[in-house]
Amino acid sequence: MATKTATKTKKIRIQYYRSAISTPTKHKLVVKGLGFTRLNQIVERVDNESIRGMVKAIPHLVRIVEN
């Protein structure tokens, strides 16, 4: 029987720390797309190019938290 190797996907922890009230609509949609619902919330997402691009679009609103 073949053994399965568990592939561990890299995760990134992101914190939403500044309000998006006076930001453009596109920035608000990126915040929503990352899954944030309230300030100071920390979410864990798969570390891939699309998530990194979303974080890069709004660096003034979110920060990457060390594990």
Protein backbone atom coordinates (compact mmCIF):
# COMPACT_ATOMS: atom_id res chain seq x y z
CA MET A 1 0.00 0.00 0.00
CA ALA A 2 1.35 3.41 -0.92
CA THR A 3 2.01 5.84 1.88
CA LYS A 4 0.70 9.34 1.60
CA THR A 5 2.97 12.18 2.52
CA ALA A 6 1.29 15.10 4.19
CA THR A 7 2.13 18.25 2.30
CA LYS A 8 2.21 21.09 4.72
CA THR A 9 0.99 24.29 3.12
CA LYS A 10 2.53 27.51 4.30
CA LYS A 11 0.22 29.89 6.12
CA ILE A 12 0.37 33.63 6.61
CA ARG A 13 -1.22 35.46 9.54
CA ILE A 14 -2.56 38.93 8.73
CA GLN A 15 -3.91 41.53 11.15
CA TYR A 16 -6.41 44.23 10.17
CA TYR A 17 -5.29 47.19 12.29
CA ARG A 18 -6.44 50.40 10.56
CA SER A 19 -9.93 51.34 9.53
CA ALA A 20 -10.90 51.40 5.87
CA ILE A 21 -13.55 54.11 6.32
CA SER A 22 -11.94 56.82 4.20
CA THR A 23 -10.26 54.53 1.69
CA PRO A 24 -11.28 53.87 -1.92
CA THR A 25 -13.95 51.26 -2.61
CA LYS A 26 -11.38 48.88 -4.11
CA HIS A 27 -9.44 48.84 -0.84
CA LYS A 28 -12.61 48.05 1.10
CA LEU A 29 -13.31 45.15 -1.24
CA VAL A 30 -9.79 43.78 -0.73
CA VAL A 31 -10.27 43.92 3.07
CA LYS A 32 -13.55 42.05 2.69
CA GLY A 33 -11.94 39.56 0.30
CA LEU A 34 -9.28 38.72 2.87
CA GLY A 35 -12.07 37.82 5.28
CA PHE A 36 -11.84 40.64 7.78
CA THR A 37 -14.98 41.71 9.62
CA ARG A 38 -13.63 43.86 12.46
CA LEU A 39 -10.55 45.81 13.51
CA ASN A 40 -7.60 44.05 15.16
CA GLN A 41 -8.81 40.74 13.78
CA ILE A 42 -6.14 38.22 12.81
CA VAL A 43 -6.85 35.75 10.00
CA GLU A 44 -4.72 32.90 8.72
CA ARG A 45 -4.60 32.41 4.97
CA VAL A 46 -2.62 30.22 2.58
CA ASP A 47 0.63 31.93 1.65
CA ASN A 48 0.38 32.25 -2.13
CA GLU A 49 0.83 34.97 -4.72
CA SER A 50 -2.80 36.07 -4.77
CA ILE A 51 -2.97 36.66 -1.01
CA ARG A 52 0.42 38.42 -1.06
CA GLY A 53 -0.87 40.66 -3.85
CA MET A 54 -3.95 41.56 -1.83
CA VAL A 55 -1.81 42.42 1.18
CA LYS A 56 0.50 44.47 -1.04
CA ALA A 57 -2.49 46.47 -2.28
CA ILE A 58 -3.40 47.64 1.24
CA PRO A 59 -0.20 47.75 3.32
CA HIS A 60 -1.47 50.82 5.18
CA LEU A 61 -4.42 48.83 6.58
CA VAL A 62 -2.98 45.41 7.40
CA ARG A 63 0.20 43.94 8.83
CA ILE A 64 1.76 40.50 8.70
CA VAL A 65 1.95 38.92 12.15
CA GLU A 66 4.84 36.63 13.04
CA ASN A 67 3.85 33.10 14.01
